[in-house]
Amino acid sequence: MSDDTATSDGITARYEETETERVLSFERDGATAVVAQNVDGYAMLKVRPTADGDELERYYGFDMALDHVAELLDVSPHDLPIPGAAEDLGM
């Protein structure tokens, strides 16, 4: 695994930066969920079903966004692997 990817209990998390966003994507058994934040790192976190999907909700805290992601993937938030490069999302 790299600092941009983490896998645990059948869940894969991938972190990437686009021109406009920091994106943390999760996949489990074909289901996906994404947390995104602007590249400057100061805006609210957006939860989407996919990287290009419509925003479902916005959160101030990373923990709250991860709770929503876990709900979408039907897992416990504690089961979500977080790549090292994404640990500071929402800070």
Protein backbone atom coordinates (compact mmCIF):
# COMPACT_ATOMS: atom_id res chain seq x y z
CA MET A 1 0.00 0.00 0.00
CA SER A 2 1.07 3.58 -0.57
CA ASP A 3 0.35 6.72 1.40
CA ASP A 4 -2.55 7.29 -1.05
CA THR A 5 -4.24 3.88 -0.66
CA ALA A 6 -5.38 1.79 2.29
CA THR A 7 -7.33 -1.48 2.49
CA SER A 8 -8.98 -3.20 5.45
CA ASP A 9 -11.79 -5.74 5.86
CA GLY A 10 -12.75 -5.60 2.17
CA ILE A 11 -12.84 -1.78 2.06
CA THR A 12 -10.42 0.10 -0.18
CA ALA A 13 -9.76 3.82 0.28
CA ARG A 14 -7.95 5.94 -2.31
CA TYR A 15 -6.82 9.54 -1.92
CA GLU A 16 -6.11 11.88 -4.82
CA GLU A 17 -5.89 15.57 -5.52
CA THR A 18 -7.49 17.14 -8.57
CA GLU A 19 -7.10 20.74 -9.73
CA THR A 20 -9.94 21.79 -7.43
CA GLU A 21 -10.40 19.12 -4.74
CA ARG A 22 -8.85 16.67 -2.33
CA VAL A 23 -10.81 13.44 -2.84
CA LEU A 24 -11.01 10.38 -0.59
CA SER A 25 -12.92 7.54 -2.30
CA PHE A 26 -14.10 4.36 -0.60
CA GLU A 27 -15.22 1.12 -2.27
CA ARG A 28 -16.74 -1.99 -0.71
CA ASP A 29 -18.39 -4.80 -2.68
CA GLY A 30 -19.13 -2.45 -5.60
CA ALA A 31 -20.62 0.28 -3.39
CA THR A 32 -18.80 3.62 -3.33
CA ALA A 33 -18.74 6.77 -1.23
CA VAL A 34 -16.54 9.85 -1.42
CA VAL A 35 -15.40 12.66 0.89
CA ALA A 36 -14.18 15.78 -0.93
CA GLN A 37 -12.73 19.11 0.18
CA ASN A 38 -11.33 22.05 -1.78
CA VAL A 39 -7.59 21.94 -2.45
CA ASP A 40 -6.98 24.77 0.01
CA GLY A 41 -8.33 22.52 2.77
CA TYR A 42 -10.54 25.04 4.55
CA ALA A 43 -14.02 24.37 3.16
CA MET A 44 -16.63 21.99 4.52
CA LEU A 45 -16.30 18.33 3.59
CA LYS A 46 -18.74 17.06 0.97
CA VAL A 47 -20.03 13.49 0.92
CA ARG A 48 -21.02 12.07 -2.47
CA PRO A 49 -21.92 8.61 -3.75
CA THR A 50 -19.10 8.86 -6.35
CA ALA A 51 -16.30 11.33 -7.14
CA ASP A 52 -18.45 12.96 -9.84
CA GLY A 53 -21.79 12.39 -8.11
CA ASP A 54 -24.14 14.93 -6.63
CA GLU A 55 -23.38 16.14 -3.14
CA LEU A 56 -25.41 14.35 -0.48
CA GLU A 57 -24.39 16.39 2.57
CA ARG A 58 -21.72 18.78 3.93
CA TYR A 59 -19.91 18.44 7.22
CA TYR A 60 -17.47 20.54 9.25
CA GLY A 61 -15.77 17.52 10.80
CA PHE A 62 -13.99 14.58 9.19
CA ASP A 63 -15.50 12.19 11.76
CA MET A 64 -19.04 13.25 10.83
CA ALA A 65 -18.29 12.80 7.12
CA LEU A 66 -16.84 9.35 7.81
CA ASP A 67 -19.99 8.41 9.76
CA HIS A 68 -22.04 9.18 6.64
CA VAL A 69 -19.64 7.24 4.40
CA ALA A 70 -19.84 4.24 6.73
CA GLU A 71 -23.63 4.39 6.59
CA LEU A 72 -23.54 4.42 2.77
CA LEU A 73 -21.21 1.39 2.76
CA ASP A 74 -23.08 -0.39 5.58
CA VAL A 75 -20.00 -0.67 7.83
CA SER A 76 -18.83 0.78 11.12
CA PRO A 77 -16.94 4.09 10.83
CA HIS A 78 -14.10 2.40 12.75
CA ASP A 79 -13.74 -0.11 9.88
CA LEU A 80 -12.89 2.57 7.31
CA PRO A 81 -9.20 2.56 6.36
CA ILE A 82 -7.71 6.06 6.00
CA PRO A 83 -4.65 6.53 3.78
CA GLY A 84 -1.90 8.59 5.40
CA ALA A 85 -2.22 11.39 2.84
CA ALA A 86 -5.90 11.91 3.82
CA GLU A 87 -5.56 11.95 7.60
CA ASP A 88 -5.69 15.75 7.77
CA LEU A 89 -8.94 16.21 5.80
CA GLY A 90 -11.25 18.62 7.59
CA MET A 91 -8.44 20.17 9.62
